[in-house]
C-alpha cells in the first residue's frame, strides 16, 4: 500500500515537472526577432507571474473591431531589474506596446517596451529578444 502511494506521488511529480519544463520555451521558437511590431490599446489584464508575465491588450483594428492581444514579458526576476513590479500597469490604461510578432501570425507578441498615453515608458529601457 505504501509503495503504491509513493509510486503515484513520484509519477505525479514527474508529470508536473515535464509540464512545467515544456511551458518554458525559447524566444526563437515562438517569436521572430526580425518582425518588430507595435500595438496601441487598452490593458485588460496584467499578470506578473512565472515563468513569464502576461499583458492582455484590446486593440481596435482598421475595421473598427476589437482584437484581443496577448503580450508575453520576460520572467518577473528580469522585469524587476528593468524597474517593473506587479503594479506597473493597471487594467484600463491606454498603452502602446512594442515587441516582436509571433511566428504563427496570431495575436501574440513578446514585449520590448510599453509606453503610456502620456509618453512615459514603463520601467527602465527596452527588453531584449532572447530566452529570458
N, C-alpha and C. Protein backbone atom coordinates (compact mmCIF):
# COMPACT_ATOMS: atom_id res chain seq x y z
N UNK A 1 0.83 -1.20 0.00
CA UNK A 1 0.00 0.00 0.00
C UNK A 1 0.87 1.26 0.00
N UNK A 2 1.87 1.29 0.91
CA UNK A 2 2.74 2.47 0.98
C UNK A 2 3.50 2.66 -0.33
N UNK A 3 3.91 1.57 -0.93
CA UNK A 3 4.67 1.66 -2.17
C UNK A 3 3.81 2.24 -3.29
N UNK A 4 2.56 1.87 -3.38
CA UNK A 4 1.71 2.38 -4.45
C UNK A 4 1.43 3.87 -4.27
N UNK A 5 1.30 4.33 -3.05
CA UNK A 5 1.11 5.76 -2.81
C UNK A 5 2.38 6.52 -3.21
N UNK A 6 3.53 5.98 -2.82
CA UNK A 6 4.79 6.60 -3.19
C UNK A 6 4.94 6.64 -4.70
N UNK A 7 4.61 5.55 -5.37
CA UNK A 7 4.72 5.49 -6.83
C UNK A 7 3.81 6.52 -7.48
N UNK A 8 2.61 6.70 -6.96
CA UNK A 8 1.68 7.69 -7.52
C UNK A 8 2.20 9.11 -7.33
N UNK A 9 2.74 9.38 -6.14
CA UNK A 9 3.29 10.72 -5.88
C UNK A 9 4.48 10.97 -6.80
N UNK A 10 5.35 9.98 -6.95
CA UNK A 10 6.52 10.13 -7.81
C UNK A 10 6.11 10.35 -9.26
N UNK A 11 5.14 9.57 -9.73
CA UNK A 11 4.67 9.73 -11.10
C UNK A 11 4.03 11.10 -11.30
N UNK A 12 3.22 11.53 -10.35
CA UNK A 12 2.59 12.85 -10.43
C UNK A 12 3.63 13.96 -10.48
N UNK A 13 4.67 13.83 -9.67
CA UNK A 13 5.74 14.84 -9.65
C UNK A 13 6.48 14.89 -10.98
N UNK A 14 6.74 13.73 -11.55
CA UNK A 14 7.41 13.70 -12.85
C UNK A 14 6.55 14.32 -13.94
N UNK A 15 5.28 14.04 -13.94
CA UNK A 15 4.39 14.64 -14.94
C UNK A 15 4.30 16.15 -14.77
N UNK A 16 4.24 16.61 -13.54
CA UNK A 16 4.20 18.06 -13.28
C UNK A 16 5.49 18.72 -13.76
N UNK A 17 6.62 18.12 -13.45
CA UNK A 17 7.90 18.68 -13.87
C UNK A 17 8.01 18.72 -15.39
N UNK A 18 7.53 17.68 -16.05
CA UNK A 18 7.57 17.66 -17.52
C UNK A 18 6.71 18.77 -18.10
N UNK A 19 5.55 18.97 -17.52
CA UNK A 19 4.66 20.04 -17.99
C UNK A 19 5.26 21.41 -17.79
N UNK A 20 5.89 21.62 -16.64
CA UNK A 20 6.50 22.93 -16.36
C UNK A 20 7.69 23.19 -17.27
N UNK A 21 8.49 22.17 -17.54
CA UNK A 21 9.65 22.39 -18.42
C UNK A 21 9.18 22.66 -19.85
N UNK A 22 8.08 22.07 -20.26
CA UNK A 22 7.54 22.33 -21.58
C UNK A 22 6.96 23.74 -21.67
N UNK A 23 6.43 24.25 -20.56
CA UNK A 23 5.82 25.58 -20.55
C UNK A 23 6.85 26.68 -20.79
N UNK A 24 8.09 26.47 -20.34
CA UNK A 24 9.13 27.47 -20.56
C UNK A 24 9.78 27.18 -21.90
N UNK A 25 9.69 28.12 -22.81
CA UNK A 25 10.10 27.88 -24.18
C UNK A 25 11.09 28.93 -24.65
N UNK A 26 11.72 28.63 -25.74
CA UNK A 26 12.70 29.51 -26.34
C UNK A 26 12.02 30.66 -27.09
N UNK A 27 12.61 31.85 -27.03
CA UNK A 27 12.10 33.01 -27.76
C UNK A 27 11.95 32.69 -29.24
N UNK A 28 13.00 32.12 -29.84
CA UNK A 28 13.01 31.91 -31.29
C UNK A 28 12.02 30.87 -31.77
N UNK A 29 11.53 30.03 -30.88
CA UNK A 29 10.51 29.06 -31.27
C UNK A 29 9.20 29.77 -31.59
N UNK A 30 8.86 30.80 -30.81
CA UNK A 30 7.55 31.44 -30.93
C UNK A 30 7.57 32.83 -31.56
N UNK A 31 8.70 33.54 -31.49
CA UNK A 31 8.75 34.93 -31.94
C UNK A 31 9.83 35.12 -32.99
N UNK A 32 9.65 36.15 -33.82
CA UNK A 32 10.61 36.45 -34.87
C UNK A 32 11.27 37.79 -34.56
N UNK A 33 12.55 37.75 -34.21
CA UNK A 33 13.29 38.97 -33.87
C UNK A 33 13.39 39.93 -35.05
N UNK A 34 13.10 39.44 -36.26
CA UNK A 34 13.13 40.28 -37.46
C UNK A 34 11.75 40.87 -37.79
N UNK A 35 10.77 40.66 -36.92
CA UNK A 35 9.42 41.17 -37.14
C UNK A 35 8.98 42.04 -35.96
N UNK A 36 9.57 43.23 -35.82
CA UNK A 36 9.11 44.11 -34.74
C UNK A 36 7.71 44.64 -35.06
N UNK A 37 6.86 44.72 -34.06
CA UNK A 37 5.51 45.27 -34.24
C UNK A 37 5.18 46.21 -33.09
N UNK A 38 4.17 47.01 -33.29
CA UNK A 38 3.69 47.94 -32.27
C UNK A 38 2.17 47.89 -32.27
N UNK A 39 1.58 47.79 -31.08
CA UNK A 39 0.12 47.77 -30.95
C UNK A 39 -0.29 48.76 -29.87
N UNK A 40 -1.33 49.52 -30.17
CA UNK A 40 -1.86 50.51 -29.23
C UNK A 40 -3.23 50.04 -28.79
N UNK A 41 -3.48 50.08 -27.48
CA UNK A 41 -4.78 49.64 -27.00
C UNK A 41 -4.95 49.84 -25.51
N UNK A 42 -5.97 49.17 -24.98
CA UNK A 42 -6.33 49.29 -23.57
C UNK A 42 -5.99 47.99 -22.86
N UNK A 43 -5.29 48.11 -21.74
CA UNK A 43 -4.90 46.96 -20.95
C UNK A 43 -6.16 46.37 -20.29
N UNK A 44 -6.35 45.06 -20.45
CA UNK A 44 -7.47 44.39 -19.78
C UNK A 44 -6.99 43.56 -18.60
N UNK A 45 -5.69 43.17 -18.63
CA UNK A 45 -5.15 42.37 -17.54
C UNK A 45 -3.63 42.43 -17.59
N UNK A 46 -3.01 42.39 -16.40
CA UNK A 46 -1.55 42.30 -16.32
C UNK A 46 -1.22 41.31 -15.21
N UNK A 47 -0.52 40.23 -15.60
CA UNK A 47 -0.11 39.20 -14.63
C UNK A 47 1.41 39.19 -14.56
N UNK A 48 1.93 39.44 -13.38
CA UNK A 48 3.37 39.47 -13.12
C UNK A 48 3.74 38.12 -12.50
N UNK A 49 3.75 37.06 -13.34
CA UNK A 49 3.90 35.70 -12.85
C UNK A 49 5.00 34.96 -13.59
N UNK A 50 5.44 33.86 -13.00
CA UNK A 50 6.43 32.97 -13.62
C UNK A 50 5.73 31.95 -14.49
N UNK A 51 6.34 31.43 -15.53
CA UNK A 51 7.70 31.75 -15.93
C UNK A 51 7.80 33.05 -16.73
N UNK A 52 6.67 33.55 -17.25
CA UNK A 52 6.63 34.81 -17.99
C UNK A 52 5.37 35.56 -17.58
N UNK A 53 5.48 36.88 -17.46
CA UNK A 53 4.30 37.68 -17.21
C UNK A 53 3.47 37.80 -18.48
N UNK A 54 2.22 38.20 -18.30
CA UNK A 54 1.31 38.36 -19.43
C UNK A 54 0.58 39.69 -19.32
N UNK A 55 0.52 40.42 -20.42
CA UNK A 55 -0.26 41.64 -20.52
C UNK A 55 -1.32 41.38 -21.60
N UNK A 56 -2.58 41.55 -21.24
CA UNK A 56 -3.67 41.38 -22.19
C UNK A 56 -4.08 42.77 -22.67
N UNK A 57 -4.24 42.92 -23.98
CA UNK A 57 -4.47 44.22 -24.59
C UNK A 57 -5.61 44.14 -25.60
N UNK A 58 -6.57 45.05 -25.50
CA UNK A 58 -7.63 45.17 -26.51
C UNK A 58 -7.22 46.26 -27.49
N UNK A 59 -7.10 45.88 -28.76
CA UNK A 59 -6.64 46.76 -29.83
C UNK A 59 -7.78 46.92 -30.84
N UNK A 60 -8.07 48.17 -31.21
CA UNK A 60 -9.07 48.42 -32.25
C UNK A 60 -8.37 48.40 -33.60
N UNK A 61 -8.77 47.47 -34.47
CA UNK A 61 -8.12 47.35 -35.78
C UNK A 61 -8.69 48.37 -36.76
N UNK A 62 -8.19 48.35 -37.98
CA UNK A 62 -8.60 49.33 -39.01
C UNK A 62 -10.08 49.23 -39.37
N UNK A 63 -10.68 48.07 -39.15
CA UNK A 63 -12.10 47.87 -39.44
C UNK A 63 -12.98 48.28 -38.26
N UNK A 64 -12.35 48.76 -37.18
CA UNK A 64 -13.10 49.17 -36.01
C UNK A 64 -13.46 48.03 -35.07
N UNK A 65 -12.90 46.85 -35.32
CA UNK A 65 -13.17 45.68 -34.49
C UNK A 65 -12.11 45.56 -33.40
N UNK A 66 -12.51 45.00 -32.27
CA UNK A 66 -11.58 44.79 -31.16
C UNK A 66 -10.85 43.47 -31.37
N UNK A 67 -9.52 43.54 -31.31
CA UNK A 67 -8.68 42.36 -31.33
C UNK A 67 -8.10 42.18 -29.94
N UNK A 68 -8.10 40.96 -29.45
CA UNK A 68 -7.54 40.66 -28.13
C UNK A 68 -6.11 40.15 -28.33
N UNK A 69 -5.15 40.92 -27.85
CA UNK A 69 -3.74 40.59 -27.98
C UNK A 69 -3.18 40.11 -26.65
N UNK A 70 -2.30 39.13 -26.73
CA UNK A 70 -1.57 38.64 -25.56
C UNK A 70 -0.12 39.03 -25.75
N UNK A 71 0.43 39.70 -24.76
CA UNK A 71 1.82 40.16 -24.81
C UNK A 71 2.57 39.45 -23.69
N UNK A 72 3.59 38.69 -24.06
CA UNK A 72 4.37 37.96 -23.07
C UNK A 72 5.57 38.79 -22.64
N UNK A 73 5.83 38.82 -21.34
CA UNK A 73 7.00 39.51 -20.81
C UNK A 73 8.08 38.49 -20.50
N UNK A 74 9.23 38.96 -20.09
CA UNK A 74 10.24 38.06 -19.55
C UNK A 74 9.82 37.69 -18.13
N UNK A 75 10.60 36.88 -17.47
CA UNK A 75 10.30 36.45 -16.11
C UNK A 75 10.33 37.65 -15.16
N UNK A 76 9.50 37.63 -14.12
CA UNK A 76 9.48 38.75 -13.16
C UNK A 76 10.85 39.10 -12.59
N UNK A 77 11.73 38.12 -12.39
CA UNK A 77 13.06 38.41 -11.85
C UNK A 77 13.82 39.36 -12.78
N UNK A 78 13.66 39.19 -14.08
CA UNK A 78 14.30 40.09 -15.05
C UNK A 78 13.54 41.41 -15.12
N UNK A 79 12.23 41.34 -15.11
CA UNK A 79 11.42 42.56 -15.20
C UNK A 79 11.73 43.52 -14.04
N UNK A 80 11.93 42.96 -12.85
CA UNK A 80 12.27 43.81 -11.69
C UNK A 80 13.57 44.57 -11.95
N UNK A 81 14.50 43.95 -12.62
CA UNK A 81 15.78 44.61 -12.96
C UNK A 81 15.56 45.80 -13.88
N UNK A 82 14.46 45.76 -14.64
CA UNK A 82 14.11 46.86 -15.53
C UNK A 82 13.12 47.83 -14.89
N UNK A 83 12.90 47.70 -13.57
CA UNK A 83 12.06 48.64 -12.85
C UNK A 83 10.57 48.32 -12.85
N UNK A 84 10.19 47.11 -13.25
CA UNK A 84 8.79 46.72 -13.26
C UNK A 84 8.38 46.12 -11.92
N UNK A 85 7.09 46.15 -11.64
CA UNK A 85 6.51 45.46 -10.49
C UNK A 85 5.12 44.98 -10.88
N UNK A 86 4.45 44.29 -9.98
CA UNK A 86 3.10 43.80 -10.28
C UNK A 86 2.11 44.95 -10.45
N UNK A 87 2.48 46.15 -10.01
CA UNK A 87 1.61 47.32 -10.11
C UNK A 87 2.02 48.28 -11.22
N UNK A 88 2.94 47.87 -12.08
CA UNK A 88 3.45 48.77 -13.13
C UNK A 88 2.38 49.18 -14.13
N UNK A 89 1.46 48.28 -14.42
CA UNK A 89 0.40 48.55 -15.39
C UNK A 89 -0.93 48.13 -14.78
N UNK A 90 -1.94 48.93 -14.99
CA UNK A 90 -3.27 48.65 -14.44
C UNK A 90 -4.27 48.44 -15.58
N UNK A 91 -5.25 47.57 -15.38
CA UNK A 91 -6.33 47.45 -16.36
C UNK A 91 -6.99 48.81 -16.58
N UNK A 92 -7.32 49.08 -17.82
CA UNK A 92 -7.93 50.35 -18.19
C UNK A 92 -6.94 51.37 -18.74
N UNK A 93 -5.64 51.14 -18.51
CA UNK A 93 -4.63 52.06 -19.04
C UNK A 93 -4.53 51.93 -20.56
N UNK A 94 -4.36 53.07 -21.23
CA UNK A 94 -4.14 53.11 -22.67
C UNK A 94 -2.63 53.12 -22.89
N UNK A 95 -2.12 52.13 -23.60
CA UNK A 95 -0.67 52.00 -23.80
C UNK A 95 -0.35 51.63 -25.24
N UNK A 96 0.90 51.83 -25.59
CA UNK A 96 1.45 51.33 -26.84
C UNK A 96 2.51 50.31 -26.47
N UNK A 97 2.38 49.13 -27.04
CA UNK A 97 3.33 48.05 -26.76
C UNK A 97 4.13 47.78 -28.02
N UNK A 98 5.45 47.83 -27.87
CA UNK A 98 6.35 47.47 -28.96
C UNK A 98 6.94 46.11 -28.62
N UNK A 99 7.14 45.30 -29.63
CA UNK A 99 7.69 43.98 -29.38
C UNK A 99 7.95 43.23 -30.65
N UNK A 100 7.93 41.89 -30.52
CA UNK A 100 8.21 41.03 -31.65
C UNK A 100 7.00 40.15 -31.92
N UNK A 101 6.67 40.01 -33.19
CA UNK A 101 5.50 39.24 -33.61
C UNK A 101 5.70 37.75 -33.41
N UNK A 102 4.58 37.07 -33.19
CA UNK A 102 4.63 35.61 -33.13
C UNK A 102 4.88 35.06 -34.52
N UNK A 103 5.53 33.94 -34.58
CA UNK A 103 5.84 33.31 -35.86
C UNK A 103 4.60 32.81 -36.58
N UNK A 104 3.56 32.45 -35.81
CA UNK A 104 2.36 31.87 -36.44
C UNK A 104 1.33 32.91 -36.87
N UNK A 105 1.61 34.19 -36.68
CA UNK A 105 0.70 35.24 -37.12
C UNK A 105 -0.48 35.48 -36.20
N UNK A 106 -0.51 34.82 -35.05
CA UNK A 106 -1.62 35.01 -34.11
C UNK A 106 -1.46 36.36 -33.39
N UNK A 107 -2.44 36.72 -32.61
CA UNK A 107 -2.42 37.98 -31.84
C UNK A 107 -1.62 37.76 -30.56
N UNK A 108 -0.36 37.44 -30.74
CA UNK A 108 0.53 37.12 -29.64
C UNK A 108 1.87 37.77 -29.96
N UNK A 109 2.47 38.42 -28.97
CA UNK A 109 3.76 39.06 -29.19
C UNK A 109 4.60 39.03 -27.93
N UNK A 110 5.89 39.26 -28.09
CA UNK A 110 6.82 39.34 -26.96
C UNK A 110 7.12 40.81 -26.71
N UNK A 111 7.14 41.21 -25.47
CA UNK A 111 7.32 42.61 -25.08
C UNK A 111 8.74 43.11 -25.37
N UNK A 112 8.81 44.35 -25.77
CA UNK A 112 10.08 45.07 -25.85
C UNK A 112 9.99 46.32 -24.99
N UNK A 113 8.90 47.09 -25.21
CA UNK A 113 8.73 48.34 -24.47
C UNK A 113 7.24 48.66 -24.39
N UNK A 114 6.85 49.29 -23.28
CA UNK A 114 5.47 49.75 -23.10
C UNK A 114 5.52 51.24 -22.80
N UNK A 115 4.73 52.01 -23.56
CA UNK A 115 4.66 53.46 -23.38
C UNK A 115 3.23 53.84 -23.04
N UNK A 116 3.08 54.66 -21.99
CA UNK A 116 1.75 55.13 -21.59
C UNK A 116 1.28 56.24 -22.53
N UNK A 117 0.00 56.57 -22.43
CA UNK A 117 -0.60 57.62 -23.27
C UNK A 117 0.09 58.96 -23.09
N UNK A 118 0.66 59.22 -21.89
CA UNK A 118 1.33 60.49 -21.65
C UNK A 118 2.77 60.51 -22.16
N UNK A 119 3.20 59.40 -22.78
CA UNK A 119 4.55 59.33 -23.34
C UNK A 119 5.59 58.72 -22.42
N UNK A 120 5.24 58.48 -21.16
CA UNK A 120 6.21 57.88 -20.24
C UNK A 120 6.35 56.39 -20.52
N UNK A 121 7.58 55.90 -20.40
CA UNK A 121 7.88 54.50 -20.63
C UNK A 121 7.77 53.75 -19.32
N UNK A 122 7.13 52.59 -19.36
CA UNK A 122 7.01 51.74 -18.17
C UNK A 122 8.35 51.05 -17.95
N UNK A 123 8.87 51.11 -16.74
CA UNK A 123 10.16 50.51 -16.45
C UNK A 123 11.30 51.34 -16.99
N UNK A 124 12.46 50.71 -17.05
CA UNK A 124 13.67 51.40 -17.47
C UNK A 124 14.28 50.69 -18.67
N UNK A 125 14.09 51.22 -19.84
CA UNK A 125 14.74 50.67 -21.01
C UNK A 125 13.98 49.53 -21.66
N UNK A 126 14.55 49.05 -22.74
CA UNK A 126 13.93 48.02 -23.55
C UNK A 126 14.28 46.63 -23.04
N UNK A 127 13.35 45.71 -23.24
CA UNK A 127 13.62 44.29 -23.03
C UNK A 127 14.36 43.83 -24.27
N UNK A 128 15.05 42.75 -24.16
CA UNK A 128 15.81 42.22 -25.30
C UNK A 128 15.16 40.95 -25.81
N UNK A 129 15.29 40.72 -27.10
CA UNK A 129 14.85 39.44 -27.66
C UNK A 129 15.78 38.38 -27.10
N UNK A 130 15.24 37.28 -26.68
CA UNK A 130 16.08 36.21 -26.17
C UNK A 130 15.32 35.30 -25.24
N UNK A 131 16.03 34.46 -24.55
CA UNK A 131 15.43 33.41 -23.73
C UNK A 131 15.21 33.79 -22.28
N UNK A 132 15.07 35.01 -21.96
CA UNK A 132 14.85 35.39 -20.56
C UNK A 132 13.48 35.03 -20.11
